[in-house]
C-alpha atoms as a PDB file:
ATOM      1  CA  MET A   1     184.538 105.405 115.344  1.00  0.00           C
ATOM      2  CA  VAL A   2     181.675 107.641 116.823  1.00  0.00           C
ATOM      3  CA  LYS A   3     183.339 108.048 120.223  1.00  0.00           C
ATOM      4  CA  GLY A   4     186.544 109.010 118.465  1.00  0.00           C
ATOM      5  CA  ARG A   5     184.649 112.042 116.716  1.00  0.00           C
ATOM      6  CA  GLU A   6     183.241 112.817 120.045  1.00  0.00           C
ATOM      7  CA  ASN A   7     186.836 113.245 121.655  1.00  0.00           C
ATOM      8  CA  ASN A   8     187.707 115.317 118.796  1.00  0.00           C
ATOM      9  CA  GLY A   9     184.286 117.632 118.772  1.00  0.00           C
ATOM     10  CA  ALA A  10     181.402 116.904 120.924  1.00  0.00           C
ATOM     11  CA  GLY A  11     178.212 116.654 119.077  1.00  0.00           C
ATOM     12  CA  LYS A  12     179.605 116.399 115.557  1.00  0.00           C
ATOM     13  CA  LYS A  13     177.655 113.699 113.376  1.00  0.00           C
ATOM     14  CA  VAL A  14     179.138 110.917 111.510  1.00  0.00           C
ATOM     15  CA  ILE A  15     179.147 112.143 107.834  1.00  0.00           C
ATOM     16  CA  VAL A  16     177.806 109.334 105.338  1.00  0.00           C
ATOM     17  CA  GLY A  17     178.981 109.525 101.948  1.00  0.00           C
ATOM     18  CA  VAL A  18     176.441 108.067  99.373  1.00  0.00           C
ATOM     19  CA  CYS A  19     178.413 107.615  96.265  1.00  0.00           C
ATOM     20  CA  VAL A  20     175.982 105.894  93.808  1.00  0.00           C
ATOM     21  CA  MET A  21     174.796 106.645  90.459  1.00  0.00           C
ATOM     22  CA  GLU A  22     171.486 108.470  90.691  1.00  0.00           C
ATOM     23  CA  LYS A  23     169.416 105.790  88.396  1.00  0.00           C
ATOM     24  CA  LYS A  24     170.360 103.420  91.354  1.00  0.00           C
ATOM     25  CA  VAL A  25     169.059 105.641  94.195  1.00  0.00           C
ATOM     26  CA  LYS A  26     166.475 107.842  92.725  1.00  0.00           C
ATOM     27  CA  CYS A  27     163.101 107.639  91.106  1.00  0.00           C
ATOM     28  CA  GLY A  28     162.753 111.254  90.234  1.00  0.00           C
ATOM     29  CA  PRO A  29     164.704 114.642  90.531  1.00  0.00           C
ATOM     30  CA  GLU A  30     164.574 114.843  94.246  1.00  0.00           C
ATOM     31  CA  VAL A  31     162.886 111.702  95.420  1.00  0.00           C
ATOM     32  CA  PHE A  32     165.072 108.551  96.396  1.00  0.00           C
ATOM     33  CA  SER A  33     163.680 105.172  95.444  1.00  0.00           C
ATOM     34  CA  ALA A  34     162.039 103.207  98.341  1.00  0.00           C
ATOM     35  CA  PRO A  35     165.018 100.869  99.088  1.00  0.00           C
ATOM     36  CA  MET A  36     167.530 103.823  99.247  1.00  0.00           C
ATOM     37  CA  GLY A  37     165.097 105.896 100.856  1.00  0.00           C
ATOM     38  CA  GLN A  38     164.664 103.429 103.813  1.00  0.00           C
ATOM     39  CA  ILE A  39     168.169 102.903 104.090  1.00  0.00           C
ATOM     40  CA  LEU A  40     168.819 106.687 104.536  1.00  0.00           C
ATOM     41  CA  GLU A  41     165.950 107.375 106.676  1.00  0.00           C
ATOM     42  CA  ARG A  42     167.053 104.815 109.233  1.00  0.00           C
ATOM     43  CA  LEU A  43     170.317 106.192 109.561  1.00  0.00           C
ATOM     44  CA  GLN A  44     169.089 109.433 109.824  1.00  0.00           C
ATOM     45  CA  ALA A  45     166.674 108.473 112.651  1.00  0.00           C
ATOM     46  CA  PHE A  46     169.585 107.678 114.908  1.00  0.00           C
ATOM     47  CA  GLY A  47     170.608 111.393 114.990  1.00  0.00           C
ATOM     48  CA  GLU A  48     174.120 110.719 114.634  1.00  0.00           C
ATOM     49  CA  PHE A  49     174.590 110.626 111.053  1.00  0.00           C
ATOM     50  CA  GLU A  50     174.730 113.330 108.329  1.00  0.00           C
ATOM     51  CA  ILE A  51     174.124 112.050 104.607  1.00  0.00           C
ATOM     52  CA  ILE A  52     175.979 113.671 101.708  1.00  0.00           C
ATOM     53  CA  TYR A  53     174.847 112.444  98.320  1.00  0.00           C
ATOM     54  CA  PHE A  54     177.442 112.755  95.810  1.00  0.00           C
ATOM     55  CA  GLY A  55     175.595 112.867  92.536  1.00  0.00           C
ATOM     56  CA  ASP A  56     176.167 112.156  89.148  1.00  0.00           C
ATOM     57  CA  ARG A  57     177.848 115.076  88.111  1.00  0.00           C
ATOM     58  CA  VAL A  58     180.365 115.071  90.793  1.00  0.00           C
ATOM     59  CA  ILE A  59     180.941 111.229  90.423  1.00  0.00           C
ATOM     60  CA  LEU A  60     181.626 111.429  86.717  1.00  0.00           C
ATOM     61  CA  GLU A  61     183.119 114.973  86.103  1.00  0.00           C
ATOM     62  CA  GLU A  62     184.841 115.991  89.220  1.00  0.00           C
ATOM     63  CA  PRO A  63     188.424 114.768  90.242  1.00  0.00           C
ATOM     64  CA  ILE A  64     188.392 112.890  93.378  1.00  0.00           C
ATOM     65  CA  GLU A  65     190.272 115.697  95.287  1.00  0.00           C
ATOM     66  CA  ARG A  66     186.894 117.715  94.983  1.00  0.00           C
ATOM     67  CA  TRP A  67     184.611 114.902  96.027  1.00  0.00           C
ATOM     68  CA  PRO A  68     182.901 115.505  99.543  1.00  0.00           C
ATOM     69  CA  ARG A  69     184.794 114.166 102.249  1.00  0.00           C
ATOM     70  CA  CYS A  70     183.088 111.799 104.526  1.00  0.00           C
ATOM     71  CA  ASP A  71     183.743 109.471 107.423  1.00  0.00           C
ATOM     72  CA  CYS A  72     181.813 106.508 106.056  1.00  0.00           C
ATOM     73  CA  LEU A  73     181.255 105.669 102.341  1.00  0.00           C
ATOM     74  CA  ILE A  74     178.489 103.905 100.522  1.00  0.00           C
ATOM     75  CA  ALA A  75     179.494 102.822  97.135  1.00  0.00           C
ATOM     76  CA  PHE A  76     178.396 100.265  94.694  1.00  0.00           C
ATOM     77  CA  HIS A  77     178.833  99.592  91.052  1.00  0.00           C
ATOM     78  CA  SER A  78     176.189  99.914  88.452  1.00  0.00           C
ATOM     79  CA  SER A  79     176.379 100.554  84.452  1.00  0.00           C
ATOM     80  CA  GLY A  80     178.780 103.546  83.755  1.00  0.00           C
ATOM     81  CA  TYR A  81     180.046 103.876  87.273  1.00  0.00           C
ATOM     82  CA  PRO A  82     183.515 104.761  87.609  1.00  0.00           C
ATOM     83  CA  LEU A  83     184.389 101.912  89.991  1.00  0.00           C
ATOM     84  CA  GLU A  84     188.424 102.623  89.888  1.00  0.00           C
ATOM     85  CA  LYS A  85     187.810 106.403  90.735  1.00  0.00           C
ATOM     86  CA  ALA A  86     185.603 105.384  93.764  1.00  0.00           C
ATOM     87  CA  GLU A  87     188.692 103.048  94.568  1.00  0.00           C
ATOM     88  CA  ALA A  88     191.088 105.997  94.213  1.00  0.00           C
ATOM     89  CA  TYR A  89     188.919 108.537  96.450  1.00  0.00           C
ATOM     90  CA  ALA A  90     188.734 105.755  99.265  1.00  0.00           C
ATOM     91  CA  ALA A  91     192.358 105.352  99.061  1.00  0.00           C
ATOM     92  CA  LEU A  92     193.073 109.231  99.075  1.00  0.00           C
ATOM     93  CA  ARG A  93     190.401 109.916 101.968  1.00  0.00           C
ATOM     94  CA  LYS A  94     190.394 106.644 103.620  1.00  0.00           C
ATOM     95  CA  PRO A  95     186.812 106.562 104.858  1.00  0.00           C
ATOM     96  CA  PHE A  96     185.226 103.635 106.418  1.00  0.00           C
ATOM     97  CA  LEU A  97     183.748 101.281 103.691  1.00  0.00           C
ATOM     98  CA  VAL A  98     180.451 100.047 104.642  1.00  0.00           C
ATOM     99  CA  ASN A  99     180.712  97.925 101.382  1.00  0.00           C
ATOM    100  CA  GLU A 100     184.074  96.978  99.952  1.00  0.00           C
ATOM    101  CA  LEU A 101     184.985  98.146  96.533  1.00  0.00           C
ATOM    102  CA  ALA A 102     187.659  95.925  94.939  1.00  0.00           C
ATOM    103  CA  PRO A 103     185.333  92.580  95.219  1.00  0.00           C
ATOM    104  CA  GLN A 104     182.708  94.646  93.010  1.00  0.00           C
ATOM    105  CA  HIS A 105     184.780  94.197  90.173  1.00  0.00           C
ATOM    106  CA  LEU A 106     183.777  90.547  89.864  1.00  0.00           C
ATOM    107  CA  LEU A 107     180.069  91.883  89.147  1.00  0.00           C
ATOM    108  CA  HIS A 108     181.375  92.435  85.707  1.00  0.00           C
ATOM    109  CA  ASP A 109     181.803  89.093  84.967  1.00  0.00           C
ATOM    110  CA  ARG A 110     178.811  86.285  85.441  1.00  0.00           C
ATOM    111  CA  ARG A 111     181.385  83.561  85.300  1.00  0.00           C
ATOM    112  CA  LYS A 112     183.395  85.117  88.473  1.00  0.00           C
ATOM    113  CA  VAL A 113     180.190  85.663  90.257  1.00  0.00           C
ATOM    114  CA  TYR A 114     179.231  81.927  89.937  1.00  0.00           C
ATOM    115  CA  GLU A 115     182.822  80.811  91.041  1.00  0.00           C
ATOM    116  CA  CYS A 116     182.557  83.133  94.055  1.00  0.00           C
ATOM    117  CA  LEU A 117     179.109  81.824  95.036  1.00  0.00           C
ATOM    118  CA  GLU A 118     180.271  78.193  94.949  1.00  0.00           C
ATOM    119  CA  MET A 119     183.399  78.839  96.790  1.00  0.00           C
ATOM    120  CA  CYS A 120     181.358  80.218  99.595  1.00  0.00           C
ATOM    121  CA  GLY A 121     179.199  77.346  99.462  1.00  0.00           C
ATOM    122  CA  ILE A 122     176.083  79.222  98.162  1.00  0.00           C
ATOM    123  CA  PRO A 123     173.718  76.931  96.056  1.00  0.00           C
ATOM    124  CA  VAL A 124     173.597  78.040  92.427  1.00  0.00           C
ATOM    125  CA  PRO A 125     171.570  76.441  89.413  1.00  0.00           C
ATOM    126  CA  ARG A 126     173.070  73.957  87.076  1.00  0.00           C
ATOM    127  CA  TYR A 127     174.872  76.009  84.540  1.00  0.00           C
ATOM    128  CA  ALA A 128     177.707  75.858  81.773  1.00  0.00           C
ATOM    129  CA  PHE A 129     179.779  78.266  80.170  1.00  0.00           C
ATOM    130  CA  VAL A 130     180.045  78.825  76.503  1.00  0.00           C
ATOM    131  CA  ASN A 131     182.715  81.135  75.677  1.00  0.00           C
ATOM    132  CA  ARG A 132     182.220  82.873  72.004  1.00  0.00           C
ATOM    133  CA  ASP A 133     184.339  85.332  70.411  1.00  0.00           C
ATOM    134  CA  LYS A 134     181.251  86.058  68.310  1.00  0.00           C
ATOM    135  CA  PRO A 135     177.668  85.164  68.157  1.00  0.00           C
ATOM    136  CA  TYR A 136     176.801  81.693  66.726  1.00  0.00           C
ATOM    137  CA  GLU A 137     180.546  81.019  66.437  1.00  0.00           C
ATOM    138  CA  GLU A 138     180.987  76.872  65.984  1.00  0.00           C
ATOM    139  CA  LEU A 139     182.666  75.418  69.066  1.00  0.00           C
ATOM    140  CA  GLU A 140     183.814  71.783  69.409  1.00  0.00           C
ATOM    141  CA  TYR A 141     182.604  71.485  73.019  1.00  0.00           C
ATOM    142  CA  PHE A 142     179.273  73.093  72.199  1.00  0.00           C
ATOM    143  CA  VAL A 143     176.255  70.963  70.498  1.00  0.00           C
ATOM    144  CA  GLU A 144     172.833  72.250  69.456  1.00  0.00           C
ATOM    145  CA  GLU A 145     169.680  70.393  68.499  1.00  0.00           C
ATOM    146  CA  GLU A 146     166.151  71.566  68.369  1.00  0.00           C
ATOM    147  CA  ASP A 147     165.345  70.782  72.142  1.00  0.00           C
ATOM    148  CA  PHE A 148     168.430  70.766  73.723  1.00  0.00           C
ATOM    149  CA  VAL A 149     172.199  71.856  73.805  1.00  0.00           C
ATOM    150  CA  GLU A 150     175.262  70.108  75.119  1.00  0.00           C
ATOM    151  CA  VAL A 151     178.028  71.915  76.827  1.00  0.00           C
ATOM    152  CA  HIS A 152     181.490  69.636  77.430  1.00  0.00           C
ATOM    153  CA  GLY A 153     178.851  66.491  77.533  1.00  0.00           C
ATOM    154  CA  GLN A 154     176.311  68.260  79.747  1.00  0.00           C
ATOM    155  CA  ARG A 155     172.844  68.110  78.167  1.00  0.00           C
ATOM    156  CA  PHE A 156     170.411  71.251  78.874  1.00  0.00           C
ATOM    157  CA  TRP A 157     166.969  70.657  77.951  1.00  0.00           C
ATOM    158  CA  LYS A 158     164.800  73.748  76.911  1.00  0.00           C
ATOM    159  CA  PRO A 159     163.222  75.785  78.393  1.00  0.00           C
ATOM    160  CA  PHE A 160     166.455  77.074  79.588  1.00  0.00           C
ATOM    161  CA  VAL A 161     167.983  80.668  80.237  1.00  0.00           C
ATOM    162  CA  GLU A 162     170.968  82.276  78.782  1.00  0.00           C
ATOM    163  CA  LYS A 163     172.686  85.220  80.044  1.00  0.00           C
ATOM    164  CA  PRO A 164     175.739  87.150  78.531  1.00  0.00           C
ATOM    165  CA  VAL A 165     178.925  87.038  80.428  1.00  0.00           C
ATOM    166  CA  HIS A 166     179.300  90.831  81.220  1.00  0.00           C
ATOM    167  CA  GLY A 167     176.922  91.670  84.299  1.00  0.00           C
ATOM    168  CA  ASP A 168     176.356  95.056  82.644  1.00  0.00           C
ATOM    169  CA  ASP A 169     174.338  93.437  79.835  1.00  0.00           C
ATOM    170  CA  HIS A 170     170.780  92.812  80.572  1.00  0.00           C
ATOM    171  CA  ARG A 171     169.749  90.989  77.460  1.00  0.00           C
ATOM    172  CA  ILE A 172     168.737  87.746  78.678  1.00  0.00           C
ATOM    173  CA  MET A 173     167.203  85.028  76.679  1.00  0.00           C
ATOM    174  CA  ILE A 174     164.763  82.143  77.339  1.00  0.00           C
ATOM    175  CA  TYR A 175     164.767  79.588  74.773  1.00  0.00           C
ATOM    176  CA  TYR A 176     161.320  77.177  74.528  1.00  0.00           C
ATOM    177  CA  PRO A 177     161.178  73.572  73.418  1.00  0.00           C
ATOM    178  CA  SER A 178     159.230  72.579  70.198  1.00  0.00           C
ATOM    179  CA  SER A 179     156.459  71.125  72.200  1.00  0.00           C
ATOM    180  CA  ALA A 180     155.670  74.533  73.419  1.00  0.00           C
ATOM    181  CA  GLY A 181     156.082  76.212  70.091  1.00  0.00           C
ATOM    182  CA  GLY A 182     159.574  77.041  70.185  1.00  0.00           C
ATOM    183  CA  GLY A 183     160.841  80.500  69.871  1.00  0.00           C
ATOM    184  CA  MET A 184     163.066  82.681  72.266  1.00  0.00           C
ATOM    185  CA  LYS A 185     162.045  85.391  74.483  1.00  0.00           C
ATOM    186  CA  GLU A 186     164.160  88.333  75.171  1.00  0.00           C
ATOM    187  CA  LEU A 187     164.347  90.102  78.482  1.00  0.00           C
ATOM    188  CA  PHE A 188     165.657  93.520  78.890  1.00  0.00           C
ATOM    189  CA  ARG A 189     165.724  96.695  81.007  1.00  0.00           C
ATOM    190  CA  LYS A 190     162.211  98.267  80.790  1.00  0.00           C
ATOM    191  CA  VAL A 191     161.642 100.649  77.863  1.00  0.00           C
ATOM    192  CA  GLY A 192     158.126 102.457  78.224  1.00  0.00           C
ATOM    193  CA  ASN A 193     155.896  99.589  79.443  1.00  0.00           C
ATOM    194  CA  ARG A 194     157.733  96.742  77.790  1.00  0.00           C
ATOM    195  CA  SER A 195     160.614  94.571  79.384  1.00  0.00           C
ATOM    196  CA  SER A 196     160.485  91.487  77.121  1.00  0.00           C
ATOM    197  CA  GLU A 197     159.971  90.566  73.387  1.00  0.00           C
ATOM    198  CA  PHE A 198     159.005  87.223  71.938  1.00  0.00           C
ATOM    199  CA  HIS A 199     160.602  85.849  68.878  1.00  0.00           C
ATOM    200  CA  PRO A 200     158.673  82.943  67.727  1.00  0.00           C
ATOM    201  CA  GLU A 201     161.455  82.411  64.698  1.00  0.00           C
ATOM    202  CA  VAL A 202     164.666  82.146  66.758  1.00  0.00           C
ATOM    203  CA  ARG A 203     165.626  78.548  67.550  1.00  0.00           C
ATOM    204  CA  ARG A 204     169.715  78.719  67.709  1.00  0.00           C
ATOM    205  CA  VAL A 205     171.396  80.045  70.883  1.00  0.00           C
ATOM    206  CA  ARG A 206     173.306  83.284  70.233  1.00  0.00           C
END
């Protein structure tokens, strides 16, 4: 790819577009987070790349026809990210995709993520799916007791972790056995100096 650009114009740099929500790459108005900063610094160290950061306003508000043109695109999903819009941009401008866009749709559904991992032979923890239309809905295949639950005959003893199906929902629950006092700890995105809260009265799985 670099040789092709040299044939069309000697000395031209390969333009790398970073199409990512600011919350995923920045820890301040002008400061990139450490992981993204390392990636961009290493790319620029070669001297062959020019980095263009799209920014939230462009990603969310501008039509794709007005997005910056680039030779390579770094784009990955996060909460609020318009993945379909990024796909439309890639189809229009046809940059080289550093990471594929279409497979990122499965990140919305933790069930599909587990299925994909197993298909690829990647070990996953023992798990079961409980598909409810509303919290605490009674289901024939789900049995709940004080210190364990059974899903389709599989028994899971507390403590265990319960995650919502949607990948953008970060409210994860840990349920404790009665021998440890019972209760549930809720994990969530950091708010102030807190990222969890213990609920001693909660026993049932939502």
